[in-house]
C-alpha atoms as a PDB file:
ATOM      1  CA  MET A   1     -11.230   8.091  13.268  1.00  0.00           C
ATOM      2  CA  SER A   2      -7.484   8.297  12.764  1.00  0.00           C
ATOM      3  CA  ILE A   3      -5.988   6.714   9.652  1.00  0.00           C
ATOM      4  CA  ALA A   4      -2.375   5.558   9.461  1.00  0.00           C
ATOM      5  CA  ALA A   5      -0.182   7.838   7.349  1.00  0.00           C
ATOM      6  CA  ASN A   6       2.372   5.188   6.447  1.00  0.00           C
ATOM      7  CA  GLY A   7       2.015   1.917   4.554  1.00  0.00           C
ATOM      8  CA  TRP A   8       0.099   3.128   1.473  1.00  0.00           C
ATOM      9  CA  THR A   9       0.690   1.831  -2.061  1.00  0.00           C
ATOM     10  CA  ILE A  10      -0.689   2.636  -5.506  1.00  0.00           C
ATOM     11  CA  LYS A  11      -3.478   0.317  -6.676  1.00  0.00           C
ATOM     12  CA  ASP A  12      -2.451  -0.915 -10.116  1.00  0.00           C
ATOM     13  CA  GLY A  13      -4.831  -1.254 -13.047  1.00  0.00           C
ATOM     14  CA  THR A  14      -7.265   1.527 -12.147  1.00  0.00           C
ATOM     15  CA  SER A  15      -6.411   4.222 -14.711  1.00  0.00           C
ATOM     16  CA  LEU A  16      -9.370   3.345 -16.950  1.00  0.00           C
ATOM     17  CA  ARG A  17     -11.848   2.580 -14.160  1.00  0.00           C
ATOM     18  CA  PRO A  18     -14.907   4.821 -14.660  1.00  0.00           C
ATOM     19  CA  CYS A  19     -16.673   6.884 -12.029  1.00  0.00           C
ATOM     20  CA  VAL A  20     -20.173   8.360 -12.296  1.00  0.00           C
ATOM     21  CA  CYS A  21     -18.804  11.571 -10.746  1.00  0.00           C
ATOM     22  CA  GLY A  22     -17.143  12.278 -14.110  1.00  0.00           C
ATOM     23  CA  SER A  23     -13.601  11.933 -12.780  1.00  0.00           C
ATOM     24  CA  TRP A  24     -11.766  10.618  -9.741  1.00  0.00           C
ATOM     25  CA  ILE A  25     -10.748  14.211  -8.994  1.00  0.00           C
ATOM     26  CA  GLN A  26     -14.414  15.186  -8.731  1.00  0.00           C
ATOM     27  CA  HIS A  27     -15.117  12.013  -6.756  1.00  0.00           C
ATOM     28  CA  TRP A  28     -12.474  12.957  -4.187  1.00  0.00           C
ATOM     29  CA  MET A  29     -13.776  16.532  -3.864  1.00  0.00           C
ATOM     30  CA  THR A  30     -17.387  15.359  -3.516  1.00  0.00           C
ATOM     31  CA  PHE A  31     -16.751  12.674  -0.920  1.00  0.00           C
ATOM     32  CA  SER A  32     -13.942  14.367   1.015  1.00  0.00           C
ATOM     33  CA  GLY A  33     -15.884  17.637   1.178  1.00  0.00           C
ATOM     34  CA  GLN A  34     -12.716  19.557   0.328  1.00  0.00           C
ATOM     35  CA  PHE A  35     -11.372  21.678  -2.514  1.00  0.00           C
ATOM     36  CA  TRP A  36      -8.608  20.268  -4.726  1.00  0.00           C
ATOM     37  CA  PRO A  37      -5.337  20.903  -2.849  1.00  0.00           C
ATOM     38  CA  PRO A  38      -2.290  22.739  -4.201  1.00  0.00           C
ATOM     39  CA  ARG A  39       0.102  19.911  -3.268  1.00  0.00           C
ATOM     40  CA  CYS A  40       0.303  16.152  -3.783  1.00  0.00           C
ATOM     41  CA  SER A  41      -0.852  13.936  -0.890  1.00  0.00           C
ATOM     42  CA  VAL A  42       2.489  12.138  -0.555  1.00  0.00           C
ATOM     43  CA  ALA A  43       4.596  13.409   2.344  1.00  0.00           C
ATOM     44  CA  GLY A  44       7.594  15.387   1.107  1.00  0.00           C
ATOM     45  CA  CYS A  45       6.204  16.011  -2.385  1.00  0.00           C
ATOM     46  CA  SER A  46       5.462  19.618  -3.320  1.00  0.00           C
ATOM     47  CA  ASN A  47       4.174  18.962  -6.866  1.00  0.00           C
ATOM     48  CA  ALA A  48       0.652  19.932  -7.855  1.00  0.00           C
ATOM     49  CA  PRO A  49      -1.714  16.941  -7.928  1.00  0.00           C
ATOM     50  CA  SER A  50      -3.076  16.018 -11.345  1.00  0.00           C
ATOM     51  CA  VAL A  51      -5.012  12.799 -10.653  1.00  0.00           C
ATOM     52  CA  GLY A  52      -7.324  11.255  -8.129  1.00  0.00           C
ATOM     53  CA  GLY A  53      -5.075   8.304  -7.351  1.00  0.00           C
ATOM     54  CA  HIS A  54      -6.274   4.928  -6.145  1.00  0.00           C
ATOM     55  CA  VAL A  55      -4.377   3.852  -3.057  1.00  0.00           C
ATOM     56  CA  VAL A  56      -4.563   0.867  -0.721  1.00  0.00           C
ATOM     57  CA  HIS A  57      -3.205   0.411   2.768  1.00  0.00           C
ATOM     58  CA  GLN A  58      -0.999  -2.577   3.506  1.00  0.00           C
ATOM     59  CA  GLY A  59      -2.842  -3.038   6.811  1.00  0.00           C
ATOM     60  CA  GLY A  60      -6.127  -3.748   5.043  1.00  0.00           C
ATOM     61  CA  MET A  61      -7.808  -0.349   5.490  1.00  0.00           C
ATOM     62  CA  GLY A  62      -9.401  -0.630   2.053  1.00  0.00           C
ATOM     63  CA  GLU A  63      -9.081   1.274  -1.204  1.00  0.00           C
ATOM     64  CA  GLY A  64      -9.264   5.041  -1.325  1.00  0.00           C
ATOM     65  CA  ILE A  65      -8.746   8.079  -3.534  1.00  0.00           C
ATOM     66  CA  VAL A  66      -6.238  10.846  -2.785  1.00  0.00           C
ATOM     67  CA  PRO A  67      -4.884  13.752  -4.863  1.00  0.00           C
ATOM     68  CA  LEU A  68      -1.566  12.699  -6.430  1.00  0.00           C
ATOM     69  CA  CYS A  69       0.913  14.252  -8.844  1.00  0.00           C
ATOM     70  CA  ALA A  70       1.854  12.321 -11.994  1.00  0.00           C
ATOM     71  CA  SER A  71       5.176  11.172 -10.503  1.00  0.00           C
ATOM     72  CA  CYS A  72       3.764   9.926  -7.208  1.00  0.00           C
ATOM     73  CA  SER A  73       0.899   8.141  -8.970  1.00  0.00           C
ATOM     74  CA  ARG A  74       3.552   5.726 -10.266  1.00  0.00           C
ATOM     75  CA  LEU A  75       5.431   5.075  -7.006  1.00  0.00           C
ATOM     76  CA  PRO A  76       6.596   1.446  -6.960  1.00  0.00           C
ATOM     77  CA  GLY A  77       6.460   0.830  -3.217  1.00  0.00           C
ATOM     78  CA  PRO A  78       4.960   1.949   0.072  1.00  0.00           C
ATOM     79  CA  PHE A  79       4.773   5.666   0.849  1.00  0.00           C
ATOM     80  CA  VAL A  80       3.626   7.998   3.602  1.00  0.00           C
ATOM     81  CA  LEU A  81       0.670  10.350   3.189  1.00  0.00           C
ATOM     82  CA  ARG A  82       0.961  14.006   4.166  1.00  0.00           C
ATOM     83  CA  ALA A  83      -0.657  14.815   7.520  1.00  0.00           C
ATOM     84  CA  GLY A  84      -4.266  15.983   7.288  1.00  0.00           C
ATOM     85  CA  ILE A  85      -5.060  14.355   3.937  1.00  0.00           C
ATOM     86  CA  SER A  86      -8.621  13.135   3.498  1.00  0.00           C
ATOM     87  CA  ILE A  87      -9.093   9.775   1.853  1.00  0.00           C
ATOM     88  CA  ALA A  88     -12.323   9.267  -0.073  1.00  0.00           C
ATOM     89  CA  SER A  89     -13.539   5.695  -0.411  1.00  0.00           C
ATOM     90  CA  ALA A  90     -13.000   4.299  -3.910  1.00  0.00           C
ATOM     91  CA  ILE A  91     -15.821   1.808  -3.442  1.00  0.00           C
ATOM     92  CA  ARG A  92     -18.427   3.239  -5.812  1.00  0.00           C
ATOM     93  CA  ALA A  93     -21.267   1.153  -4.369  1.00  0.00           C
ATOM     94  CA  GLU A  94     -20.709   2.963  -1.056  1.00  0.00           C
ATOM     95  CA  THR A  95     -20.271   6.443  -2.532  1.00  0.00           C
ATOM     96  CA  CYS A  96     -21.270   7.824  -5.922  1.00  0.00           C
ATOM     97  CA  GLU A  97     -23.392   4.901  -7.093  1.00  0.00           C
ATOM     98  CA  ARG A  98     -25.606   5.437  -4.030  1.00  0.00           C
ATOM     99  CA  VAL A  99     -26.203   9.050  -5.049  1.00  0.00           C
ATOM    100  CA  SER A 100     -28.058  10.035  -8.205  1.00  0.00           C
ATOM    101  CA  ARG A 101     -26.388  12.169 -10.881  1.00  0.00           C
ATOM    102  CA  ALA A 102     -28.691  15.105 -10.021  1.00  0.00           C
ATOM    103  CA  GLU A 103     -27.615  14.966  -6.389  1.00  0.00           C
ATOM    104  CA  LEU A 104     -23.929  14.853  -7.388  1.00  0.00           C
ATOM    105  CA  ARG A 105     -24.306  18.124  -9.284  1.00  0.00           C
ATOM    106  CA  THR A 106     -25.701  19.893  -6.234  1.00  0.00           C
ATOM    107  CA  VAL A 107     -23.189  18.662  -3.644  1.00  0.00           C
END
């Protein structure tokens, strides 16, 4: 399934939201099946990502997690994601809360 690259915004109020994966970085790696990338997910940004940022699509595609640098995690308006970025669902009931802690350690 193809996901639109443009029209993403930062989801406010999520910095203290817990995840049973231990961190949103680990959550993204577990549910994207990828290693942590060397560059931020925002198109045109070459900074190293430091957070698993919560993003939402203006077209109603739901809430997801992507690797973001500190600067891009505070973007005030819509942005475009870099081509090829995987978006892990941020809905814990559909991801990590469905998997036991023992299973998370072996993924």
